[in-house]
Amino acid sequence: MPNKIKGFTLIELLVVIAIIGILAGLVIVSMSGGETSAHDARVKSDLDQIRATAEIIRIQDGNYVNVNGGSINGDITSLLTDCNNHDNASANTCITFANADNWCGKAQLQGTGNWCVDSTGYAGNNDAWCVSGNAACH
């Protein structure tokens, strides 16, 4: 009996390489939205931290006036700086508005829409943003 060499044929190897290429392409496509989702989650988290800090300020000061980003309150200012220093900062400008009775914070998300939080407890996608007149999400 003649010796038969065992191994893979060229066709079998090409089929396996093609399958691996297709799977790699699918993984890359499915991961492409991950960075945007992670960025938006971080912006939402920053605004949630601003909400917690705003409530502490209200308890300490008796009002929300120092929640304004332009105030001398270092906690809010540093949180706004962090929120605005993410990758592609032009896509998410984090801003707060405050008066004695109310406050709101807003940011544009990279994914879809705008995220708004305010002193009523509202947190959500809001295309009307928060406005300085009554410092609330509309």
N, C-alpha and C. Protein backbone atom coordinates (compact mmCIF):
# COMPACT_ATOMS: atom_id res chain seq x y z
N MET A 1 0.82 -1.18 0.00
CA MET A 1 0.00 0.00 0.00
C MET A 1 0.87 1.25 0.00
N PRO A 2 0.55 2.18 -0.87
CA PRO A 2 1.35 3.41 -0.90
C PRO A 2 1.02 4.30 0.31
N ASN A 3 2.05 5.05 0.76
CA ASN A 3 1.85 6.00 1.87
C ASN A 3 1.02 7.19 1.40
N LYS A 4 -0.01 7.50 2.15
CA LYS A 4 -0.84 8.65 1.82
C LYS A 4 -0.51 9.77 2.82
N ILE A 5 -0.19 10.96 2.33
CA ILE A 5 0.16 12.08 3.19
C ILE A 5 -1.13 12.71 3.68
N LYS A 6 -1.20 12.84 4.99
CA LYS A 6 -2.39 13.43 5.59
C LYS A 6 -2.18 14.92 5.79
N GLY A 7 -3.23 15.70 5.57
CA GLY A 7 -3.17 17.14 5.76
C GLY A 7 -4.41 17.80 5.19
N PHE A 8 -4.42 19.11 5.23
CA PHE A 8 -5.56 19.86 4.72
C PHE A 8 -5.29 20.27 3.28
N THR A 9 -6.34 20.30 2.51
CA THR A 9 -6.19 20.76 1.13
C THR A 9 -6.23 22.28 1.12
N LEU A 10 -5.80 22.84 0.01
CA LEU A 10 -5.80 24.29 -0.14
C LEU A 10 -7.21 24.85 -0.04
N ILE A 11 -8.18 24.18 -0.60
CA ILE A 11 -9.57 24.62 -0.53
C ILE A 11 -10.06 24.67 0.91
N GLU A 12 -9.76 23.65 1.69
CA GLU A 12 -10.19 23.61 3.09
C GLU A 12 -9.58 24.77 3.88
N LEU A 13 -8.31 25.05 3.64
CA LEU A 13 -7.66 26.16 4.33
C LEU A 13 -8.28 27.50 3.94
N LEU A 14 -8.58 27.69 2.67
CA LEU A 14 -9.19 28.94 2.21
C LEU A 14 -10.59 29.13 2.80
N VAL A 15 -11.35 28.05 2.90
CA VAL A 15 -12.69 28.14 3.49
C VAL A 15 -12.59 28.56 4.96
N VAL A 16 -11.67 27.97 5.70
CA VAL A 16 -11.50 28.32 7.12
C VAL A 16 -11.07 29.78 7.26
N ILE A 17 -10.14 30.23 6.44
CA ILE A 17 -9.68 31.62 6.50
C ILE A 17 -10.82 32.57 6.16
N ALA A 18 -11.65 32.22 5.18
CA ALA A 18 -12.80 33.07 4.83
C ALA A 18 -13.79 33.15 5.97
N ILE A 19 -14.06 32.04 6.63
CA ILE A 19 -14.98 32.04 7.77
C ILE A 19 -14.45 32.90 8.90
N ILE A 20 -13.16 32.79 9.19
CA ILE A 20 -12.55 33.61 10.25
C ILE A 20 -12.64 35.09 9.88
N GLY A 21 -12.41 35.42 8.63
CA GLY A 21 -12.51 36.82 8.18
C GLY A 21 -13.91 37.37 8.33
N ILE A 22 -14.91 36.56 7.98
CA ILE A 22 -16.31 36.99 8.12
C ILE A 22 -16.65 37.21 9.59
N LEU A 23 -16.26 36.30 10.46
CA LEU A 23 -16.52 36.45 11.89
C LEU A 23 -15.82 37.67 12.47
N ALA A 24 -14.58 37.92 12.06
CA ALA A 24 -13.85 39.09 12.54
C ALA A 24 -14.56 40.37 12.10
N GLY A 25 -15.06 40.41 10.87
CA GLY A 25 -15.79 41.56 10.38
C GLY A 25 -17.06 41.82 11.17
N LEU A 26 -17.77 40.76 11.53
CA LEU A 26 -18.99 40.90 12.32
C LEU A 26 -18.70 41.45 13.70
N VAL A 27 -17.61 40.99 14.30
CA VAL A 27 -17.24 41.46 15.64
C VAL A 27 -16.89 42.95 15.60
N ILE A 28 -16.15 43.36 14.59
CA ILE A 28 -15.75 44.76 14.48
C ILE A 28 -16.99 45.65 14.30
N VAL A 29 -17.93 45.23 13.47
CA VAL A 29 -19.14 46.01 13.25
C VAL A 29 -19.97 46.09 14.52
N SER A 30 -20.08 44.98 15.26
CA SER A 30 -20.91 45.00 16.47
C SER A 30 -20.27 45.82 17.59
N MET A 31 -18.96 45.99 17.58
CA MET A 31 -18.28 46.74 18.63
C MET A 31 -18.19 48.23 18.32
N SER A 32 -18.52 48.64 17.12
CA SER A 32 -18.33 50.03 16.73
C SER A 32 -19.18 51.00 17.54
N GLY A 33 -20.35 50.62 18.01
CA GLY A 33 -21.19 51.51 18.81
C GLY A 33 -20.85 51.50 20.28
N GLY A 34 -19.95 50.66 20.69
CA GLY A 34 -19.61 50.53 22.10
C GLY A 34 -18.97 51.76 22.69
N GLU A 35 -18.14 52.42 21.93
CA GLU A 35 -17.46 53.61 22.44
C GLU A 35 -18.45 54.75 22.68
N THR A 36 -19.38 54.92 21.75
CA THR A 36 -20.40 55.96 21.91
C THR A 36 -21.28 55.68 23.13
N SER A 37 -21.69 54.42 23.28
CA SER A 37 -22.53 54.05 24.43
C SER A 37 -21.79 54.27 25.74
N ALA A 38 -20.52 53.91 25.78
CA ALA A 38 -19.73 54.10 27.00
C ALA A 38 -19.56 55.58 27.31
N HIS A 39 -19.32 56.38 26.29
CA HIS A 39 -19.18 57.82 26.48
C HIS A 39 -20.47 58.42 27.04
N ASP A 40 -21.60 58.07 26.45
CA ASP A 40 -22.87 58.60 26.91
C ASP A 40 -23.18 58.15 28.33
N ALA A 41 -22.82 56.93 28.68
CA ALA A 41 -23.03 56.44 30.05
C ALA A 41 -22.19 57.25 31.04
N ARG A 42 -20.98 57.62 30.64
CA ARG A 42 -20.14 58.41 31.54
C ARG A 42 -20.70 59.81 31.73
N VAL A 43 -21.20 60.42 30.65
CA VAL A 43 -21.81 61.75 30.76
C VAL A 43 -23.03 61.69 31.68
N LYS A 44 -23.86 60.66 31.53
CA LYS A 44 -25.04 60.51 32.40
C LYS A 44 -24.61 60.34 33.85
N SER A 45 -23.55 59.58 34.06
CA SER A 45 -23.04 59.38 35.42
C SER A 45 -22.53 60.69 36.01
N ASP A 46 -21.83 61.48 35.20
CA ASP A 46 -21.36 62.79 35.67
C ASP A 46 -22.52 63.68 36.08
N LEU A 47 -23.57 63.71 35.27
CA LEU A 47 -24.74 64.53 35.62
C LEU A 47 -25.44 64.00 36.86
N ASP A 48 -25.41 62.70 37.06
CA ASP A 48 -25.99 62.13 38.29
C ASP A 48 -25.18 62.55 39.51
N GLN A 49 -23.85 62.61 39.36
CA GLN A 49 -23.01 63.09 40.47
C GLN A 49 -23.28 64.57 40.75
N ILE A 50 -23.51 65.33 39.68
CA ILE A 50 -23.85 66.74 39.86
C ILE A 50 -25.16 66.87 40.62
N ARG A 51 -26.12 65.98 40.31
CA ARG A 51 -27.41 66.00 41.02
C ARG A 51 -27.21 65.75 42.52
N ALA A 52 -26.40 64.76 42.86
CA ALA A 52 -26.16 64.45 44.28
C ALA A 52 -25.46 65.62 44.97
N THR A 53 -24.49 66.22 44.29
CA THR A 53 -23.78 67.37 44.86
C THR A 53 -24.71 68.57 45.02
N ALA A 54 -25.61 68.77 44.07
CA ALA A 54 -26.57 69.88 44.15
C ALA A 54 -27.45 69.75 45.38
N GLU A 55 -27.86 68.53 45.69
CA GLU A 55 -28.71 68.33 46.88
C GLU A 55 -27.92 68.59 48.16
N ILE A 56 -26.65 68.24 48.15
CA ILE A 56 -25.81 68.55 49.32
C ILE A 56 -25.68 70.07 49.48
N ILE A 57 -25.49 70.76 48.37
CA ILE A 57 -25.38 72.23 48.41
C ILE A 57 -26.67 72.84 48.95
N ARG A 58 -27.83 72.31 48.51
CA ARG A 58 -29.11 72.84 49.00
C ARG A 58 -29.24 72.63 50.51
N ILE A 59 -28.82 71.47 50.98
CA ILE A 59 -28.89 71.20 52.42
C ILE A 59 -27.98 72.15 53.18
N GLN A 60 -26.76 72.37 52.68
CA GLN A 60 -25.81 73.24 53.37
C GLN A 60 -26.18 74.71 53.29
N ASP A 61 -26.60 75.17 52.09
CA ASP A 61 -26.84 76.60 51.87
C ASP A 61 -28.30 77.01 52.01
N GLY A 62 -29.21 76.05 51.96
CA GLY A 62 -30.62 76.36 52.02
C GLY A 62 -31.23 76.72 50.67
N ASN A 63 -30.41 76.73 49.61
CA ASN A 63 -30.91 77.01 48.26
C ASN A 63 -29.96 76.39 47.24
N TYR A 64 -30.33 76.54 45.96
CA TYR A 64 -29.54 75.95 44.87
C TYR A 64 -28.63 76.95 44.15
N VAL A 65 -28.53 78.17 44.63
CA VAL A 65 -27.81 79.22 43.90
C VAL A 65 -26.39 78.79 43.53
N ASN A 66 -25.67 78.14 44.42
CA ASN A 66 -24.28 77.77 44.16
C ASN A 66 -24.12 76.54 43.28
N VAL A 67 -25.21 76.04 42.73
CA VAL A 67 -25.11 74.93 41.78
C VAL A 67 -24.66 75.42 40.41
N ASN A 68 -24.78 76.72 40.16
CA ASN A 68 -24.33 77.28 38.88
C ASN A 68 -22.87 76.94 38.63
N GLY A 69 -22.57 76.56 37.42
CA GLY A 69 -21.19 76.22 37.05
C GLY A 69 -20.23 77.37 37.23
N GLY A 70 -20.73 78.59 37.12
CA GLY A 70 -19.87 79.75 37.26
C GLY A 70 -19.66 80.17 38.70
N SER A 71 -20.22 79.42 39.64
CA SER A 71 -20.09 79.81 41.04
C SER A 71 -18.71 79.46 41.56
N ILE A 72 -18.46 79.84 42.80
CA ILE A 72 -17.17 79.55 43.41
C ILE A 72 -17.16 78.15 44.03
N ASN A 73 -18.27 77.42 43.88
CA ASN A 73 -18.35 76.09 44.47
C ASN A 73 -17.46 75.13 43.69
N GLY A 74 -16.41 74.66 44.32
CA GLY A 74 -15.43 73.81 43.64
C GLY A 74 -15.96 72.45 43.23
N ASP A 75 -16.89 71.89 44.00
CA ASP A 75 -17.40 70.56 43.67
C ASP A 75 -18.11 70.55 42.32
N ILE A 76 -19.04 71.46 42.13
CA ILE A 76 -19.79 71.51 40.87
C ILE A 76 -18.86 71.87 39.72
N THR A 77 -17.98 72.84 39.95
CA THR A 77 -17.06 73.26 38.89
C THR A 77 -16.18 72.11 38.43
N SER A 78 -15.65 71.33 39.37
CA SER A 78 -14.79 70.21 38.97
C SER A 78 -15.59 69.11 38.28
N LEU A 79 -16.83 68.88 38.69
CA LEU A 79 -17.66 67.89 38.01
C LEU A 79 -18.00 68.33 36.59
N LEU A 80 -18.28 69.61 36.40
CA LEU A 80 -18.55 70.12 35.05
C LEU A 80 -17.30 70.03 34.18
N THR A 81 -16.16 70.32 34.76
CA THR A 81 -14.90 70.22 34.01
C THR A 81 -14.68 68.78 33.56
N ASP A 82 -14.91 67.83 34.47
CA ASP A 82 -14.76 66.42 34.12
C ASP A 82 -15.74 66.03 33.02
N CYS A 83 -16.97 66.47 33.15
CA CYS A 83 -18.00 66.14 32.16
C CYS A 83 -17.64 66.71 30.79
N ASN A 84 -17.03 67.87 30.75
CA ASN A 84 -16.67 68.50 29.49
C ASN A 84 -15.33 68.04 28.93
N ASN A 85 -14.57 67.28 29.69
CA ASN A 85 -13.25 66.85 29.24
C ASN A 85 -13.22 65.42 28.70
N HIS A 86 -14.37 64.86 28.39
CA HIS A 86 -14.38 63.54 27.76
C HIS A 86 -13.89 63.67 26.33
N ASP A 87 -13.65 62.54 25.70
CA ASP A 87 -13.29 62.56 24.28
C ASP A 87 -14.37 63.29 23.51
N ASN A 88 -13.98 64.05 22.54
CA ASN A 88 -14.90 64.79 21.67
C ASN A 88 -15.79 65.72 22.51
N ALA A 89 -15.16 66.57 23.28
CA ALA A 89 -15.88 67.43 24.21
C ALA A 89 -16.90 68.34 23.51
N SER A 90 -16.68 68.62 22.23
CA SER A 90 -17.62 69.51 21.55
C SER A 90 -18.99 68.85 21.40
N ALA A 91 -19.06 67.53 21.54
CA ALA A 91 -20.34 66.82 21.40
C ALA A 91 -21.11 66.76 22.71
N ASN A 92 -20.51 67.14 23.81
CA ASN A 92 -21.25 67.12 25.08
C ASN A 92 -20.84 68.30 25.94
N THR A 93 -21.54 69.38 25.80
CA THR A 93 -21.26 70.54 26.63
C THR A 93 -22.16 70.45 27.86
N CYS A 94 -21.55 70.20 28.99
CA CYS A 94 -22.30 70.07 30.25
C CYS A 94 -22.44 71.45 30.88
N ILE A 95 -23.67 71.80 31.19
CA ILE A 95 -23.98 73.12 31.73
C ILE A 95 -24.99 72.96 32.86
N THR A 96 -24.91 73.82 33.86
CA THR A 96 -25.96 73.88 34.88
C THR A 96 -26.54 75.28 34.92
N PHE A 97 -27.82 75.35 35.25
CA PHE A 97 -28.50 76.60 35.54
C PHE A 97 -29.13 76.45 36.92
N ALA A 98 -29.10 77.51 37.69
CA ALA A 98 -29.69 77.42 39.03
C ALA A 98 -30.26 78.76 39.46
N ASN A 99 -31.31 78.67 40.27
CA ASN A 99 -31.81 79.83 41.00
C ASN A 99 -32.03 79.34 42.44
N ALA A 100 -32.65 80.12 43.27
CA ALA A 100 -32.79 79.73 44.67
C ALA A 100 -33.59 78.45 44.85
N ASP A 101 -34.62 78.24 44.02
CA ASP A 101 -35.54 77.13 44.23
C ASP A 101 -35.31 75.92 43.34
N ASN A 102 -34.67 76.08 42.20
CA ASN A 102 -34.53 74.99 41.23
C ASN A 102 -33.15 75.00 40.58
N TRP A 103 -32.80 73.88 40.00
CA TRP A 103 -31.57 73.80 39.21
C TRP A 103 -31.79 72.74 38.13
N CYS A 104 -30.99 72.81 37.08
CA CYS A 104 -30.98 71.76 36.07
C CYS A 104 -29.59 71.65 35.46
N GLY A 105 -29.27 70.47 34.96
CA GLY A 105 -28.01 70.22 34.27
C GLY A 105 -28.30 69.54 32.96
N LYS A 106 -27.49 69.83 31.95
CA LYS A 106 -27.76 69.27 30.64
C LYS A 106 -26.46 68.91 29.94
N ALA A 107 -26.57 67.97 29.00
CA ALA A 107 -25.43 67.59 28.17
C ALA A 107 -25.95 66.99 26.87
N GLN A 108 -25.25 67.28 25.79
CA GLN A 108 -25.59 66.66 24.51
C GLN A 108 -24.86 65.33 24.44
N LEU A 109 -25.59 64.26 24.11
CA LEU A 109 -25.01 62.94 24.01
C LEU A 109 -24.45 62.70 22.62
N GLN A 110 -23.46 61.84 22.52
CA GLN A 110 -22.92 61.48 21.22
C GLN A 110 -23.87 60.55 20.49
N GLY A 111 -24.60 59.74 21.24
CA GLY A 111 -25.55 58.80 20.64
C GLY A 111 -26.73 59.55 20.05
N THR A 112 -27.77 59.68 20.84
CA THR A 112 -28.96 60.39 20.37
C THR A 112 -29.48 61.32 21.45
N GLY A 113 -29.82 62.52 21.06
CA GLY A 113 -30.51 63.44 21.94
C GLY A 113 -29.64 64.11 22.98
N ASN A 114 -30.32 64.65 23.96
CA ASN A 114 -29.70 65.39 25.06
C ASN A 114 -30.11 64.74 26.36
N TRP A 115 -29.27 64.83 27.36
CA TRP A 115 -29.60 64.29 28.68
C TRP A 115 -29.78 65.46 29.62
N CYS A 116 -30.85 65.44 30.37
CA CYS A 116 -31.18 66.53 31.27
C CYS A 116 -31.55 65.98 32.64
N VAL A 117 -31.05 66.61 33.69
CA VAL A 117 -31.43 66.28 35.07
C VAL A 117 -31.81 67.58 35.76
N ASP A 118 -32.72 67.49 36.72
CA ASP A 118 -33.09 68.71 37.43
C ASP A 118 -33.47 68.42 38.88
N SER A 119 -33.82 69.49 39.60
CA SER A 119 -34.09 69.39 41.03
C SER A 119 -35.40 68.68 41.34
N THR A 120 -36.24 68.43 40.35
CA THR A 120 -37.49 67.69 40.59
C THR A 120 -37.24 66.18 40.61
N GLY A 121 -36.03 65.77 40.26
CA GLY A 121 -35.72 64.34 40.19
C GLY A 121 -35.76 63.80 38.78
N TYR A 122 -36.12 64.65 37.83
CA TYR A 122 -36.19 64.21 36.44
C TYR A 122 -34.79 63.92 35.91
N ALA A 123 -34.65 62.83 35.18
CA ALA A 123 -33.42 62.51 34.46
C ALA A 123 -33.84 61.76 33.21
N GLY A 124 -33.52 62.32 32.06
CA GLY A 124 -33.91 61.62 30.85
C GLY A 124 -33.53 62.36 29.59
N ASN A 125 -33.81 61.68 28.47
CA ASN A 125 -33.60 62.27 27.16
C ASN A 125 -34.60 63.38 26.99
N ASN A 126 -34.11 64.55 26.66
CA ASN A 126 -35.00 65.69 26.59
C ASN A 126 -34.50 66.62 25.51
N ASP A 127 -35.23 66.73 24.42
CA ASP A 127 -34.80 67.57 23.32
C ASP A 127 -34.99 69.06 23.60
N ALA A 128 -35.77 69.40 24.62
CA ALA A 128 -35.98 70.81 24.93
C ALA A 128 -34.87 71.37 25.81
N TRP A 129 -34.01 70.54 26.30
CA TRP A 129 -32.91 70.94 27.18
C TRP A 129 -33.41 71.57 28.47
N CYS A 130 -32.46 72.02 29.25
CA CYS A 130 -32.84 72.76 30.45
C CYS A 130 -32.54 74.22 30.15
N VAL A 131 -33.35 75.09 30.68
CA VAL A 131 -33.24 76.50 30.36
C VAL A 131 -33.01 77.32 31.61
N SER A 132 -32.40 78.46 31.43
CA SER A 132 -32.03 79.27 32.59
C SER A 132 -33.22 79.97 33.24
N GLY A 133 -34.28 80.22 32.51
CA GLY A 133 -35.41 80.96 33.05
C GLY A 133 -35.99 80.36 34.31
N ASN A 134 -36.29 79.06 34.28
CA ASN A 134 -36.85 78.44 35.49
C ASN A 134 -36.00 77.27 35.97
N ALA A 135 -34.83 77.09 35.38
CA ALA A 135 -33.86 76.08 35.80
C ALA A 135 -34.51 74.71 35.96
N ALA A 136 -35.16 74.25 34.90
CA ALA A 136 -35.80 72.93 34.92
C ALA A 136 -35.75 72.33 33.52
N CYS A 137 -35.81 71.01 33.45
CA CYS A 137 -35.90 70.33 32.17
C CYS A 137 -37.33 70.48 31.64
N HIS A 138 -37.48 70.79 30.37
CA HIS A 138 -38.81 70.95 29.77
C HIS A 138 -39.05 69.83 28.81
